[in-house]
């Protein structure tokens, strides 16, 4: 979510407000779960690098490709 020229929240807002890009799935990647990422509701999926990265990535790919439904993440997992 932290990027050099535009923050992730700004990018998501720009993508979702443009008719040509509004339907592109957005996967937010963060170094860890934190309050700001928990409040982020515009991203279609969130991946946290500090926990079960392989499982999260597999789930995100399945969801984006339409092969499975996203599994809800347990709090504090």
Protein backbone atom coordinates (compact mmCIF):
# COMPACT_ATOMS: atom_id res chain seq x y z
CA UNK A 1 0.00 0.00 0.00
CA UNK A 2 2.99 2.27 0.38
CA UNK A 3 4.37 3.37 -2.94
CA UNK A 4 6.74 6.19 -3.89
CA UNK A 5 4.52 8.49 -6.00
CA UNK A 6 0.94 7.53 -5.14
CA UNK A 7 -0.39 5.72 -2.10
CA UNK A 8 -2.27 2.46 -2.49
CA UNK A 9 -5.51 4.01 -1.30
CA UNK A 10 -5.21 6.70 -3.98
CA UNK A 11 -4.51 4.09 -6.65
CA UNK A 12 -7.51 1.97 -5.64
CA UNK A 13 -9.74 5.06 -5.68
CA UNK A 14 -8.48 6.01 -9.15
CA UNK A 15 -8.99 2.49 -10.52
CA UNK A 16 -12.45 2.02 -9.03
CA UNK A 17 -13.69 5.45 -10.16
CA UNK A 18 -12.70 4.89 -13.81
CA UNK A 19 -15.29 2.96 -15.83
CA UNK A 20 -12.56 1.27 -17.90
CA UNK A 21 -10.74 -0.11 -14.83
CA UNK A 22 -13.48 -0.37 -12.19
CA UNK A 23 -13.95 -4.12 -12.69
CA UNK A 24 -10.26 -5.02 -12.45
CA UNK A 25 -9.73 -6.98 -9.22
CA UNK A 26 -7.44 -5.14 -6.82
CA UNK A 27 -5.20 -7.18 -4.53
CA UNK A 28 -3.62 -5.07 -1.79
CA UNK A 29 -0.32 -6.38 -0.44
CA UNK A 30 0.96 -5.19 2.92
CA UNK A 31 3.93 -6.15 5.05
CA UNK A 32 1.66 -6.90 7.99
CA UNK A 33 -1.87 -6.66 9.24
CA UNK A 34 -2.50 -3.24 10.69
CA UNK A 35 -5.36 -0.91 11.42
CA UNK A 36 -5.17 0.98 8.13
CA UNK A 37 -5.31 -2.23 6.09
CA UNK A 38 -8.24 -3.50 8.15
CA UNK A 39 -10.12 -0.30 7.27
CA UNK A 40 -9.36 -0.66 3.56
CA UNK A 41 -12.60 -1.86 1.98
CA UNK A 42 -12.09 -1.01 -1.69
CA UNK A 43 -9.52 -3.72 -2.38
CA UNK A 44 -11.06 -6.98 -3.55
CA UNK A 45 -8.48 -9.02 -1.66
CA UNK A 46 -5.73 -8.36 0.86
CA UNK A 47 -2.49 -10.28 1.29
CA UNK A 48 -0.33 -9.84 4.35
CA UNK A 49 3.29 -10.87 3.99
CA UNK A 50 3.73 -11.60 7.69
CA UNK A 51 1.32 -14.56 7.81
CA UNK A 52 0.73 -17.63 5.61
CA UNK A 53 1.76 -15.89 2.39
CA UNK A 54 1.52 -19.04 0.24
CA UNK A 55 -2.04 -19.81 1.37
CA UNK A 56 -3.12 -16.21 0.89
CA UNK A 57 -1.58 -16.01 -2.58
CA UNK A 58 -3.21 -19.29 -3.67
CA UNK A 59 -6.57 -18.05 -2.37
CA UNK A 60 -6.16 -14.71 -4.16
CA UNK A 61 -5.28 -16.38 -7.46
CA UNK A 62 -8.21 -18.78 -7.21
CA UNK A 63 -10.55 -15.90 -6.46
CA UNK A 64 -9.29 -13.64 -9.24
CA UNK A 65 -9.35 -16.48 -11.75
CA UNK A 66 -12.86 -17.44 -10.64
CA UNK A 67 -11.92 -21.00 -9.67
CA UNK A 68 -12.95 -20.75 -6.00
CA UNK A 69 -14.53 -18.40 -3.52
CA UNK A 70 -12.28 -16.42 -1.20
CA UNK A 71 -11.91 -17.86 2.25
CA UNK A 72 -12.58 -15.34 5.01
CA UNK A 73 -9.49 -14.66 7.06
CA UNK A 74 -9.64 -15.44 10.74
CA UNK A 75 -8.84 -12.49 12.97
CA UNK A 76 -5.39 -12.67 14.52
CA UNK A 77 -4.34 -15.64 12.45
